[in-house]
Amino acid sequence: MEDLIEIRWHGRGGQGAVTASKLLATAAVEEGYYIQAFPEYGAERMGAPVQSFNRVSKDKIELHSQVKEPNYVLVLDPTLLESIDITEGIKDGGIIIINTHEPLEEIKKKINIGDRDIKIYTVDANKISVDEIKRTMPNTPMIGALVKVSDFLNIDSLLKAIRKFLSKKFPEKVIKGNLNAIKRAYEEVGN
């Protein structure tokens, strides 16, 4: 693992990008990491583009600025590929995970990575969330996909931390649906 991992989440208001960064932070703390989780606020309305960020490190994080060069970029809404440059600032060796039902080859046509060393993964987080949570909420499946393609979190620790976090606010049925969505995305993410 690198000394400092930076993550940028792209979504639309109401899809849970901010909550996803908080859930990821909760899981990272459980594994002994120092973390930061913070949103970039803008229009703050349902459907408006939003960004959220994480920093994860085994060492104390002294940096307190916006994430400019992420290692990972997660896109909760594939329509954002048409309106923003999701590759902006991503480090060489970086990973992009996109919530989509489209084949990877079609997605690659929409993203200009040039000859940079960037891997792209896809997962149909919308379908998974509808199947498991009974509503379109791609945030928790995207966390499962991230854990699969990264090397800094353990799936069992993630599930335990998210169960603990969600149990403060939601009934068992909702918790179970989210945990199943995470597990499915973990298994179904592909490149």
Protein backbone atom coordinates (compact mmCIF):
# COMPACT_ATOMS: atom_id res chain seq x y z
CA MET A 1 0.00 0.00 0.00
CA GLU A 2 1.16 3.53 -0.77
CA ASP A 3 1.82 5.84 2.16
CA LEU A 4 -1.24 7.92 1.30
CA ILE A 5 -4.22 6.79 -0.77
CA GLU A 6 -6.55 9.41 -2.17
CA ILE A 7 -10.03 8.67 -3.49
CA ARG A 8 -12.46 10.86 -5.41
CA TRP A 9 -16.15 9.99 -5.65
CA HIS A 10 -18.35 11.43 -8.42
CA GLY A 11 -22.11 11.20 -8.19
CA ARG A 12 -25.31 13.17 -8.19
CA GLY A 13 -27.12 14.49 -5.16
CA GLY A 14 -29.12 11.68 -3.60
CA GLN A 15 -26.95 8.79 -4.82
CA GLY A 16 -24.93 8.58 -1.63
CA ALA A 17 -21.43 9.68 -2.67
CA VAL A 18 -20.94 11.58 0.58
CA THR A 19 -22.30 8.68 2.63
CA ALA A 20 -20.04 6.27 0.71
CA SER A 21 -16.95 8.26 1.68
CA LYS A 22 -18.08 8.23 5.32
CA LEU A 23 -18.77 4.48 5.25
CA LEU A 24 -15.38 3.81 3.70
CA ALA A 25 -13.76 5.97 6.37
CA THR A 26 -15.55 4.03 9.12
CA ALA A 27 -14.24 0.74 7.73
CA ALA A 28 -10.70 2.12 7.36
CA VAL A 29 -10.65 3.29 10.98
CA GLU A 30 -11.65 -0.22 12.07
CA GLU A 31 -8.53 -1.53 10.29
CA GLY A 32 -6.29 0.98 12.04
CA TYR A 33 -5.93 3.60 9.32
CA TYR A 34 -5.94 7.33 9.66
CA ILE A 35 -8.64 8.73 7.44
CA GLN A 36 -10.26 11.82 6.04
CA ALA A 37 -13.71 11.92 4.46
CA PHE A 38 -15.12 15.15 3.14
CA PRO A 39 -17.51 16.43 0.48
CA GLU A 40 -17.21 19.28 -1.95
CA TYR A 41 -20.41 21.19 -1.64
CA GLY A 42 -21.95 23.00 -4.55
CA ALA A 43 -25.55 23.36 -5.63
CA GLU A 44 -26.60 20.78 -3.01
CA ARG A 45 -29.76 19.72 -4.76
CA MET A 46 -31.07 16.32 -5.74
CA GLY A 47 -29.53 15.30 -9.05
CA ALA A 48 -26.78 17.95 -9.11
CA PRO A 49 -23.21 16.70 -9.61
CA VAL A 50 -21.36 16.20 -6.30
CA GLN A 51 -17.91 15.07 -5.28
CA SER A 52 -16.69 13.49 -2.11
CA PHE A 53 -13.18 12.52 -1.08
CA ASN A 54 -11.20 10.17 1.12
CA ARG A 55 -7.63 10.01 2.26
CA VAL A 56 -6.40 6.79 3.86
CA SER A 57 -2.99 6.25 5.44
CA LYS A 58 -1.21 4.14 8.04
CA ASP A 59 0.43 7.38 9.18
CA LYS A 60 -1.12 10.56 10.52
CA ILE A 61 -2.48 12.69 7.65
CA GLU A 62 -1.12 16.24 7.74
CA LEU A 63 -2.61 17.30 4.40
CA HIS A 64 -5.84 19.30 4.61
CA SER A 65 -6.64 20.30 1.06
CA GLN A 66 -8.83 19.05 -1.75
CA VAL A 67 -7.82 15.78 -3.38
CA LYS A 68 -6.11 16.78 -6.64
CA GLU A 69 -4.33 13.54 -7.65
CA PRO A 70 -6.47 10.56 -6.65
CA ASN A 71 -5.35 6.95 -6.78
CA TYR A 72 -8.97 5.86 -7.21
CA VAL A 73 -11.93 7.52 -8.89
CA LEU A 74 -15.43 6.10 -8.41
CA VAL A 75 -18.28 7.22 -10.64
CA LEU A 76 -21.75 6.52 -9.27
CA ASP A 77 -23.58 8.02 -12.26
CA PRO A 78 -22.29 7.14 -15.75
CA THR A 79 -24.03 10.17 -17.31
CA LEU A 80 -21.29 12.24 -15.65
CA LEU A 81 -18.84 10.81 -18.20
CA GLU A 82 -20.45 13.12 -20.76
CA SER A 83 -20.15 16.30 -18.70
CA ILE A 84 -16.98 16.14 -16.58
CA ASP A 85 -13.44 14.86 -16.95
CA ILE A 86 -13.37 12.06 -14.39
CA THR A 87 -9.71 11.37 -15.25
CA GLU A 88 -8.56 14.82 -14.15
CA GLY A 89 -5.48 14.52 -11.96
CA ILE A 90 -5.62 10.74 -11.56
CA LYS A 91 -2.20 9.29 -10.85
CA ASP A 92 -0.47 6.89 -13.21
CA GLY A 93 -1.34 3.43 -11.99
CA GLY A 94 -4.69 4.79 -10.85
CA ILE A 95 -7.99 2.95 -10.99
CA ILE A 96 -11.41 4.14 -12.14
CA ILE A 97 -14.56 2.24 -11.17
CA ILE A 98 -17.77 3.12 -13.00
CA ASN A 99 -21.32 2.14 -12.14
CA THR A 100 -22.73 1.04 -15.50
CA HIS A 101 -24.47 -1.76 -17.33
CA GLU A 102 -22.58 -0.91 -20.55
CA PRO A 103 -19.76 -3.16 -21.74
CA LEU A 104 -16.28 -2.01 -20.74
CA GLU A 105 -15.27 -1.37 -24.37
CA GLU A 106 -18.13 1.13 -24.77
CA ILE A 107 -17.14 2.90 -21.55
CA LYS A 108 -13.51 3.13 -22.65
CA LYS A 109 -14.64 5.06 -25.74
CA LYS A 110 -16.13 7.72 -23.45
CA ILE A 111 -13.03 8.17 -21.31
CA ASN A 112 -9.86 9.75 -22.62
CA ILE A 113 -6.97 8.15 -20.78
CA GLY A 114 -4.56 8.34 -23.71
CA ASP A 115 -1.47 6.28 -23.02
CA ARG A 116 -1.61 6.75 -19.26
CA ASP A 117 -1.40 3.70 -17.02
CA ILE A 118 -4.96 3.72 -15.69
CA LYS A 119 -7.17 0.69 -15.16
CA ILE A 120 -10.93 0.91 -15.65
CA TYR A 121 -13.40 -1.38 -13.93
CA THR A 122 -17.17 -1.53 -14.21
CA VAL A 123 -19.95 -2.86 -12.04
CA ASP A 124 -23.71 -2.52 -12.42
CA ALA A 125 -24.23 -1.02 -8.96
CA ASN A 126 -27.69 0.26 -9.89
CA LYS A 127 -28.95 -3.23 -10.73
CA ILE A 128 -27.29 -4.70 -7.67
CA SER A 129 -28.83 -2.08 -5.39
CA VAL A 130 -32.31 -2.53 -6.86
CA ASP A 131 -32.00 -6.32 -6.47
CA GLU A 132 -30.63 -6.22 -2.93
CA ILE A 133 -31.78 -2.94 -1.37
CA LYS A 134 -34.98 -2.55 -3.43
CA ARG A 135 -34.04 0.96 -4.59
CA THR A 136 -31.42 2.61 -6.76
CA MET A 137 -28.66 3.46 -4.30
CA PRO A 138 -25.29 2.64 -5.88
CA ASN A 139 -23.06 3.84 -3.06
CA THR A 140 -22.64 0.67 -1.00
CA PRO A 141 -22.11 -1.62 -4.00
CA MET A 142 -19.40 0.77 -5.21
CA ILE A 143 -17.59 0.39 -1.89
CA GLY A 144 -17.59 -3.39 -2.41
CA ALA A 145 -16.13 -2.93 -5.89
CA LEU A 146 -13.42 -0.62 -4.51
CA VAL A 147 -12.40 -3.12 -1.86
CA LYS A 148 -12.07 -5.84 -4.51
CA VAL A 149 -9.75 -3.84 -6.81
CA SER A 150 -7.70 -2.21 -4.04
CA ASP A 151 -5.33 -3.65 -1.49
CA PHE A 152 -5.97 -1.55 1.58
CA LEU A 153 -9.21 -2.94 3.05
CA ASN A 154 -10.45 -6.39 3.92
CA ILE A 155 -14.00 -7.34 2.84
CA ASP A 156 -14.84 -8.92 6.20
CA SER A 157 -13.71 -5.82 8.12
CA LEU A 158 -15.69 -3.66 5.70
CA LEU A 159 -18.88 -5.66 6.21
CA LYS A 160 -18.48 -5.59 9.99
CA ALA A 161 -17.87 -1.82 10.07
CA ILE A 162 -20.77 -1.05 7.76
CA ARG A 163 -23.12 -3.27 9.76
CA LYS A 164 -22.13 -1.35 12.89
CA PHE A 165 -22.55 2.04 11.17
CA LEU A 166 -25.92 1.24 9.59
CA SER A 167 -27.35 -0.43 12.71
CA LYS A 168 -27.49 2.96 14.42
CA LYS A 169 -30.09 4.16 11.94
CA PHE A 170 -31.64 1.35 9.89
CA PRO A 171 -33.61 -1.87 10.46
CA GLU A 172 -32.03 -5.28 9.85
CA LYS A 173 -33.71 -5.65 6.44
CA VAL A 174 -31.95 -2.52 5.12
CA ILE A 175 -28.64 -3.51 6.68
CA LYS A 176 -28.80 -7.01 5.18
CA GLY A 177 -29.67 -5.58 1.75
CA ASN A 178 -26.68 -3.23 1.83
CA LEU A 179 -24.30 -5.96 2.98
CA ASN A 180 -25.54 -8.27 0.22
CA ALA A 181 -25.09 -5.44 -2.31
CA ILE A 182 -21.50 -4.93 -1.16
CA LYS A 183 -20.74 -8.65 -1.46
CA ARG A 184 -22.29 -8.89 -4.92
CA ALA A 185 -20.38 -5.88 -6.26
CA TYR A 186 -17.20 -7.32 -4.75
CA GLU A 187 -17.79 -10.47 -6.78
CA GLU A 188 -19.14 -8.84 -9.97
CA VAL A 189 -16.74 -5.93 -10.57
CA GLY A 190 -14.73 -6.52 -13.72
CA ASN A 191 -12.31 -4.96 -16.16
